[in-house]
Amino acid sequence: MKEETRTLITYRLERARESLEEANILLERGYGNTFVNRLYYACFYAVSALLLTKGLSSAKHSGIRSLFHQNFVKSGLVKTELGQFYDMLFDNRQKGDYADLVRFDPNEICDWYEEAQEFVETLGGIVKKEFGQGMK
């Protein structure tokens, strides 16, 4: 694997962790919609990093989602439940960012944080297995 690809994978995993931290701050402040956005992006960055381990990428979010399911969920490398969680975040991020009159109640979505953490940790672990301890 090229060094620039390794660097990009590491960067995306770091962005995933940063987005989780941002989500936590937003939840504490009561910003439900933006909390959902940051959770989605945490997972998106982790999926993007994972796809790069197989030389895969897409310019569209829907393409990233499709490649993730085709190459990791359907093959059993990633649990179906994690794939469903990613889909749910994808759909809710779309609603929260683009639909009118949508407000997520922080009390109703706060459990999503732990699920997103598990998602990012799981995908990060798969990346580390693929490329050894050289990955952060």
N, C-alpha and C. Protein backbone atom coordinates (compact mmCIF):
# COMPACT_ATOMS: atom_id res chain seq x y z
N MET A 1 0.84 -1.18 0.00
CA MET A 1 0.00 0.00 0.00
C MET A 1 0.88 1.24 0.00
N LYS A 2 0.48 2.21 -0.78
CA LYS A 2 1.24 3.45 -0.86
C LYS A 2 1.17 4.20 0.47
N GLU A 3 2.23 4.92 0.76
CA GLU A 3 2.29 5.69 2.00
C GLU A 3 1.20 6.76 2.06
N GLU A 4 0.88 7.36 0.93
CA GLU A 4 -0.16 8.39 0.93
C GLU A 4 -1.53 7.79 1.28
N THR A 5 -1.77 6.55 0.88
CA THR A 5 -3.02 5.88 1.23
C THR A 5 -3.06 5.60 2.73
N ARG A 6 -1.95 5.12 3.28
CA ARG A 6 -1.86 4.89 4.74
C ARG A 6 -2.11 6.19 5.50
N THR A 7 -1.53 7.28 5.02
CA THR A 7 -1.71 8.58 5.65
C THR A 7 -3.18 9.00 5.61
N LEU A 8 -3.82 8.79 4.49
CA LEU A 8 -5.23 9.16 4.35
C LEU A 8 -6.12 8.30 5.25
N ILE A 9 -5.83 7.03 5.36
CA ILE A 9 -6.59 6.14 6.25
C ILE A 9 -6.45 6.61 7.69
N THR A 10 -5.23 6.90 8.10
CA THR A 10 -4.98 7.39 9.47
C THR A 10 -5.72 8.70 9.71
N TYR A 11 -5.66 9.61 8.74
CA TYR A 11 -6.35 10.89 8.85
C TYR A 11 -7.85 10.70 9.03
N ARG A 12 -8.43 9.82 8.23
CA ARG A 12 -9.88 9.61 8.32
C ARG A 12 -10.29 8.98 9.64
N LEU A 13 -9.49 8.09 10.17
CA LEU A 13 -9.80 7.53 11.49
C LEU A 13 -9.69 8.61 12.58
N GLU A 14 -8.72 9.50 12.44
CA GLU A 14 -8.60 10.62 13.39
C GLU A 14 -9.82 11.54 13.29
N ARG A 15 -10.27 11.81 12.07
CA ARG A 15 -11.46 12.65 11.87
C ARG A 15 -12.70 11.98 12.46
N ALA A 16 -12.77 10.67 12.37
CA ALA A 16 -13.89 9.93 12.96
C ALA A 16 -13.92 10.17 14.47
N ARG A 17 -12.77 10.05 15.11
CA ARG A 17 -12.69 10.26 16.57
C ARG A 17 -13.00 11.71 16.94
N GLU A 18 -12.49 12.64 16.15
CA GLU A 18 -12.78 14.07 16.40
C GLU A 18 -14.27 14.35 16.28
N SER A 19 -14.90 13.77 15.29
CA SER A 19 -16.33 13.99 15.09
C SER A 19 -17.14 13.43 16.25
N LEU A 20 -16.69 12.33 16.83
CA LEU A 20 -17.35 11.80 18.04
C LEU A 20 -17.23 12.79 19.19
N GLU A 21 -16.05 13.36 19.36
CA GLU A 21 -15.85 14.36 20.42
C GLU A 21 -16.75 15.57 20.20
N GLU A 22 -16.83 16.03 18.96
CA GLU A 22 -17.69 17.15 18.63
C GLU A 22 -19.15 16.83 18.93
N ALA A 23 -19.57 15.60 18.59
CA ALA A 23 -20.95 15.18 18.84
C ALA A 23 -21.27 15.23 20.32
N ASN A 24 -20.33 14.80 21.13
CA ASN A 24 -20.54 14.80 22.58
C ASN A 24 -20.78 16.21 23.10
N ILE A 25 -20.00 17.16 22.62
CA ILE A 25 -20.16 18.56 23.02
C ILE A 25 -21.53 19.08 22.60
N LEU A 26 -21.91 18.76 21.38
CA LEU A 26 -23.20 19.22 20.85
C LEU A 26 -24.37 18.62 21.63
N LEU A 27 -24.25 17.37 22.01
CA LEU A 27 -25.31 16.74 22.80
C LEU A 27 -25.45 17.43 24.16
N GLU A 28 -24.31 17.70 24.79
CA GLU A 28 -24.34 18.39 26.09
C GLU A 28 -25.02 19.75 25.99
N ARG A 29 -24.91 20.40 24.84
CA ARG A 29 -25.50 21.72 24.64
C ARG A 29 -26.94 21.64 24.14
N GLY A 30 -27.42 20.43 23.82
CA GLY A 30 -28.80 20.27 23.38
C GLY A 30 -29.05 20.43 21.90
N TYR A 31 -28.00 20.36 21.09
CA TYR A 31 -28.14 20.52 19.64
C TYR A 31 -28.31 19.14 18.98
N GLY A 32 -29.55 18.65 18.99
CA GLY A 32 -29.83 17.30 18.51
C GLY A 32 -29.52 17.09 17.04
N ASN A 33 -29.92 18.02 16.19
CA ASN A 33 -29.70 17.83 14.76
C ASN A 33 -28.22 17.80 14.41
N THR A 34 -27.47 18.71 14.99
CA THR A 34 -26.05 18.76 14.69
C THR A 34 -25.32 17.58 15.34
N PHE A 35 -25.81 17.10 16.47
CA PHE A 35 -25.30 15.89 17.10
C PHE A 35 -25.42 14.72 16.13
N VAL A 36 -26.58 14.56 15.50
CA VAL A 36 -26.80 13.48 14.54
C VAL A 36 -25.85 13.63 13.36
N ASN A 37 -25.67 14.86 12.89
CA ASN A 37 -24.76 15.13 11.79
C ASN A 37 -23.35 14.66 12.12
N ARG A 38 -22.86 15.02 13.30
CA ARG A 38 -21.49 14.65 13.68
C ARG A 38 -21.35 13.15 13.90
N LEU A 39 -22.38 12.50 14.43
CA LEU A 39 -22.33 11.04 14.56
C LEU A 39 -22.24 10.39 13.20
N TYR A 40 -23.06 10.88 12.27
CA TYR A 40 -23.00 10.33 10.92
C TYR A 40 -21.60 10.50 10.34
N TYR A 41 -21.06 11.70 10.46
CA TYR A 41 -19.74 11.93 9.87
C TYR A 41 -18.65 11.11 10.56
N ALA A 42 -18.76 10.86 11.85
CA ALA A 42 -17.80 9.99 12.53
C ALA A 42 -17.80 8.62 11.86
N CYS A 43 -18.99 8.10 11.63
CA CYS A 43 -19.12 6.78 11.00
C CYS A 43 -18.70 6.83 9.53
N PHE A 44 -19.06 7.90 8.85
CA PHE A 44 -18.67 8.08 7.45
C PHE A 44 -17.16 8.05 7.28
N TYR A 45 -16.45 8.79 8.14
CA TYR A 45 -14.99 8.81 8.05
C TYR A 45 -14.40 7.43 8.31
N ALA A 46 -14.98 6.70 9.26
CA ALA A 46 -14.49 5.35 9.56
C ALA A 46 -14.74 4.42 8.37
N VAL A 47 -15.92 4.52 7.76
CA VAL A 47 -16.23 3.71 6.58
C VAL A 47 -15.28 4.07 5.44
N SER A 48 -15.04 5.35 5.23
CA SER A 48 -14.13 5.79 4.17
C SER A 48 -12.74 5.22 4.36
N ALA A 49 -12.27 5.22 5.61
CA ALA A 49 -10.95 4.65 5.91
C ALA A 49 -10.93 3.17 5.61
N LEU A 50 -11.97 2.47 6.02
CA LEU A 50 -12.05 1.04 5.79
C LEU A 50 -12.07 0.72 4.30
N LEU A 51 -12.85 1.46 3.54
CA LEU A 51 -12.90 1.23 2.09
C LEU A 51 -11.54 1.42 1.44
N LEU A 52 -10.78 2.39 1.91
CA LEU A 52 -9.45 2.63 1.34
C LEU A 52 -8.52 1.43 1.52
N THR A 53 -8.76 0.61 2.54
CA THR A 53 -7.91 -0.57 2.74
C THR A 53 -8.05 -1.55 1.57
N LYS A 54 -9.14 -1.44 0.84
CA LYS A 54 -9.36 -2.28 -0.35
C LYS A 54 -9.25 -1.47 -1.64
N GLY A 55 -8.76 -0.23 -1.52
CA GLY A 55 -8.61 0.62 -2.69
C GLY A 55 -9.92 1.14 -3.24
N LEU A 56 -10.94 1.22 -2.38
CA LEU A 56 -12.27 1.65 -2.80
C LEU A 56 -12.59 3.05 -2.30
N SER A 57 -13.34 3.79 -3.10
CA SER A 57 -13.78 5.13 -2.72
C SER A 57 -14.92 5.54 -3.64
N SER A 58 -15.60 6.59 -3.24
CA SER A 58 -16.67 7.15 -4.07
C SER A 58 -16.79 8.64 -3.76
N ALA A 59 -17.21 9.40 -4.75
CA ALA A 59 -17.39 10.84 -4.56
C ALA A 59 -18.72 11.15 -3.88
N LYS A 60 -19.62 10.16 -3.79
CA LYS A 60 -20.94 10.38 -3.22
C LYS A 60 -21.13 9.58 -1.93
N HIS A 61 -21.87 10.15 -1.02
CA HIS A 61 -22.17 9.45 0.23
C HIS A 61 -22.92 8.15 -0.03
N SER A 62 -23.84 8.18 -0.97
CA SER A 62 -24.59 6.96 -1.30
C SER A 62 -23.67 5.89 -1.87
N GLY A 63 -22.65 6.30 -2.59
CA GLY A 63 -21.67 5.37 -3.14
C GLY A 63 -20.83 4.73 -2.04
N ILE A 64 -20.43 5.54 -1.07
CA ILE A 64 -19.66 5.02 0.08
C ILE A 64 -20.51 4.00 0.81
N ARG A 65 -21.76 4.33 1.03
CA ARG A 65 -22.68 3.45 1.73
C ARG A 65 -22.85 2.12 0.98
N SER A 66 -23.03 2.19 -0.30
CA SER A 66 -23.20 1.00 -1.12
C SER A 66 -21.95 0.11 -1.11
N LEU A 67 -20.80 0.72 -1.27
CA LEU A 67 -19.54 -0.03 -1.25
C LEU A 67 -19.30 -0.69 0.11
N PHE A 68 -19.65 0.01 1.16
CA PHE A 68 -19.51 -0.53 2.52
C PHE A 68 -20.35 -1.80 2.66
N HIS A 69 -21.60 -1.72 2.26
CA HIS A 69 -22.48 -2.88 2.37
C HIS A 69 -22.01 -4.03 1.48
N GLN A 70 -21.65 -3.73 0.26
CA GLN A 70 -21.23 -4.77 -0.69
C GLN A 70 -19.97 -5.49 -0.22
N ASN A 71 -19.01 -4.74 0.30
CA ASN A 71 -17.69 -5.31 0.57
C ASN A 71 -17.45 -5.72 2.02
N PHE A 72 -18.24 -5.21 2.95
CA PHE A 72 -17.96 -5.51 4.35
C PHE A 72 -19.16 -6.09 5.11
N VAL A 73 -20.36 -5.58 4.86
CA VAL A 73 -21.52 -6.08 5.60
C VAL A 73 -21.99 -7.41 5.00
N LYS A 74 -22.20 -7.44 3.70
CA LYS A 74 -22.68 -8.67 3.06
C LYS A 74 -21.70 -9.82 3.20
N SER A 75 -20.42 -9.51 3.26
CA SER A 75 -19.40 -10.55 3.40
C SER A 75 -19.27 -11.05 4.83
N GLY A 76 -19.89 -10.34 5.78
CA GLY A 76 -19.83 -10.75 7.18
C GLY A 76 -18.65 -10.17 7.95
N LEU A 77 -17.81 -9.37 7.32
CA LEU A 77 -16.69 -8.75 8.03
C LEU A 77 -17.16 -7.73 9.06
N VAL A 78 -18.31 -7.12 8.77
CA VAL A 78 -18.94 -6.17 9.68
C VAL A 78 -20.35 -6.69 9.96
N LYS A 79 -20.74 -6.66 11.24
CA LYS A 79 -22.07 -7.15 11.63
C LYS A 79 -23.18 -6.37 10.93
N THR A 80 -24.23 -7.09 10.59
CA THR A 80 -25.40 -6.50 9.94
C THR A 80 -25.94 -5.33 10.76
N GLU A 81 -25.95 -5.48 12.09
CA GLU A 81 -26.48 -4.43 12.97
C GLU A 81 -25.72 -3.12 12.81
N LEU A 82 -24.41 -3.22 12.61
CA LEU A 82 -23.63 -2.00 12.41
C LEU A 82 -23.96 -1.37 11.06
N GLY A 83 -24.19 -2.20 10.05
CA GLY A 83 -24.62 -1.69 8.75
C GLY A 83 -25.96 -0.99 8.84
N GLN A 84 -26.87 -1.56 9.61
CA GLN A 84 -28.20 -0.95 9.80
C GLN A 84 -28.09 0.36 10.57
N PHE A 85 -27.20 0.40 11.56
CA PHE A 85 -26.99 1.64 12.31
C PHE A 85 -26.47 2.74 11.38
N TYR A 86 -25.52 2.41 10.53
CA TYR A 86 -24.98 3.38 9.58
C TYR A 86 -26.09 3.90 8.65
N ASP A 87 -26.94 3.00 8.18
CA ASP A 87 -28.05 3.40 7.32
C ASP A 87 -29.00 4.34 8.05
N MET A 88 -29.29 4.03 9.31
CA MET A 88 -30.18 4.87 10.11
C MET A 88 -29.59 6.27 10.29
N LEU A 89 -28.29 6.33 10.59
CA LEU A 89 -27.65 7.65 10.72
C LEU A 89 -27.67 8.41 9.39
N PHE A 90 -27.41 7.71 8.32
CA PHE A 90 -27.44 8.32 6.99
C PHE A 90 -28.80 8.98 6.75
N ASP A 91 -29.86 8.23 6.98
CA ASP A 91 -31.22 8.74 6.75
C ASP A 91 -31.56 9.90 7.68
N ASN A 92 -31.20 9.78 8.95
CA ASN A 92 -31.53 10.83 9.91
C ASN A 92 -30.67 12.08 9.72
N ARG A 93 -29.44 11.90 9.29
CA ARG A 93 -28.61 13.07 8.98
C ARG A 93 -29.22 13.85 7.83
N GLN A 94 -29.72 13.13 6.82
CA GLN A 94 -30.39 13.78 5.69
C GLN A 94 -31.60 14.58 6.17
N LYS A 95 -32.42 13.96 7.00
CA LYS A 95 -33.62 14.63 7.53
C LYS A 95 -33.22 15.86 8.34
N GLY A 96 -32.29 15.69 9.26
CA GLY A 96 -31.89 16.78 10.15
C GLY A 96 -31.24 17.94 9.42
N ASP A 97 -30.50 17.65 8.36
CA ASP A 97 -29.80 18.70 7.62
C ASP A 97 -30.67 19.37 6.56
N TYR A 98 -31.61 18.62 5.96
CA TYR A 98 -32.29 19.14 4.78
C TYR A 98 -33.80 19.27 4.89
N ALA A 99 -34.44 18.54 5.79
CA ALA A 99 -35.90 18.60 5.88
C ALA A 99 -36.32 19.73 6.83
N ASP A 100 -37.40 20.37 6.49
CA ASP A 100 -37.95 21.42 7.36
C ASP A 100 -38.69 20.78 8.53
N LEU A 101 -38.70 21.50 9.63
CA LEU A 101 -39.47 21.14 10.82
C LEU A 101 -39.04 19.82 11.46
N VAL A 102 -37.79 19.45 11.27
CA VAL A 102 -37.27 18.24 11.92
C VAL A 102 -36.38 18.68 13.06
N ARG A 103 -36.69 18.21 14.25
CA ARG A 103 -35.89 18.49 15.45
C ARG A 103 -35.72 17.19 16.21
N PHE A 104 -34.48 16.78 16.39
CA PHE A 104 -34.20 15.59 17.18
C PHE A 104 -34.09 15.97 18.64
N ASP A 105 -34.82 15.28 19.48
CA ASP A 105 -34.77 15.51 20.91
C ASP A 105 -33.53 14.82 21.47
N PRO A 106 -32.60 15.58 22.04
CA PRO A 106 -31.37 14.99 22.57
C PRO A 106 -31.62 13.83 23.54
N ASN A 107 -32.69 13.89 24.32
CA ASN A 107 -32.97 12.82 25.27
C ASN A 107 -33.35 11.51 24.57
N GLU A 108 -33.89 11.62 23.37
CA GLU A 108 -34.32 10.43 22.63
C GLU A 108 -33.22 9.81 21.78
N ILE A 109 -32.16 10.56 21.52
CA ILE A 109 -31.11 10.07 20.63
C ILE A 109 -29.75 9.92 21.31
N CYS A 110 -29.68 10.21 22.58
CA CYS A 110 -28.39 10.20 23.27
C CYS A 110 -27.70 8.83 23.24
N ASP A 111 -28.48 7.74 23.18
CA ASP A 111 -27.89 6.40 23.14
C ASP A 111 -27.13 6.13 21.84
N TRP A 112 -27.42 6.91 20.82
CA TRP A 112 -26.74 6.74 19.54
C TRP A 112 -25.25 7.00 19.66
N TYR A 113 -24.86 7.81 20.66
CA TYR A 113 -23.44 8.13 20.82
C TYR A 113 -22.63 6.86 21.07
N GLU A 114 -23.08 6.03 22.00
CA GLU A 114 -22.35 4.80 22.31
C GLU A 114 -22.32 3.86 21.11
N GLU A 115 -23.40 3.82 20.36
CA GLU A 115 -23.44 2.97 19.17
C GLU A 115 -22.44 3.47 18.12
N ALA A 116 -22.36 4.79 17.96
CA ALA A 116 -21.41 5.36 17.01
C ALA A 116 -19.98 5.10 17.46
N GLN A 117 -19.75 5.18 18.76
CA GLN A 117 -18.42 4.87 19.30
C GLN A 117 -18.04 3.43 18.97
N GLU A 118 -18.96 2.51 19.21
CA GLU A 118 -18.71 1.10 18.90
C GLU A 118 -18.43 0.92 17.41
N PHE A 119 -19.18 1.61 16.59
CA PHE A 119 -19.02 1.54 15.14
C PHE A 119 -17.60 1.96 14.74
N VAL A 120 -17.18 3.13 15.22
CA VAL A 120 -15.87 3.66 14.87
C VAL A 120 -14.76 2.74 15.40
N GLU A 121 -14.90 2.27 16.63
CA GLU A 121 -13.89 1.38 17.21
C GLU A 121 -13.82 0.06 16.45
N THR A 122 -14.96 -0.48 16.06
CA THR A 122 -14.98 -1.74 15.33
C THR A 122 -14.30 -1.61 13.98
N LEU A 123 -14.65 -0.56 13.23
CA LEU A 123 -14.04 -0.38 11.93
C LEU A 123 -12.56 -0.05 12.05
N GLY A 124 -12.20 0.75 13.06
CA GLY A 124 -10.79 1.03 13.30
C GLY A 124 -10.01 -0.24 13.61
N GLY A 125 -10.64 -1.14 14.35
CA GLY A 125 -10.00 -2.42 14.67
C GLY A 125 -9.78 -3.28 13.44
N ILE A 126 -10.72 -3.26 12.52
CA ILE A 126 -10.56 -4.02 11.27
C ILE A 126 -9.41 -3.44 10.46
N VAL A 127 -9.33 -2.12 10.41
CA VAL A 127 -8.23 -1.46 9.69
C VAL A 127 -6.90 -1.87 10.31
N LYS A 128 -6.81 -1.86 11.63
CA LYS A 128 -5.56 -2.22 12.31
C LYS A 128 -5.18 -3.67 12.03
N LYS A 129 -6.16 -4.57 12.01
CA LYS A 129 -5.88 -5.98 11.70
C LYS A 129 -5.31 -6.13 10.30
N GLU A 130 -5.86 -5.37 9.38
CA GLU A 130 -5.41 -5.43 7.99
C GLU A 130 -3.97 -4.98 7.83
N PHE A 131 -3.60 -3.96 8.60
CA PHE A 131 -2.29 -3.33 8.36
C PHE A 131 -1.38 -3.29 9.57
N GLY A 132 -1.69 -4.07 10.59
CA GLY A 132 -0.81 -4.16 11.74
C GLY A 132 -0.86 -2.95 12.62
N GLN A 133 0.05 -2.90 13.55
CA GLN A 133 0.06 -1.86 14.56
C GLN A 133 0.57 -0.52 14.05
N GLY A 134 0.95 -0.44 12.79
CA GLY A 134 1.41 0.82 12.23
C GLY A 134 0.32 1.85 12.07
N MET A 135 -0.94 1.40 12.16
CA MET A 135 -2.08 2.31 12.03
C MET A 135 -2.45 2.82 13.41
N LYS A 136 -2.83 4.08 13.48
CA LYS A 136 -3.25 4.69 14.76
C LYS A 136 -4.69 4.40 15.02
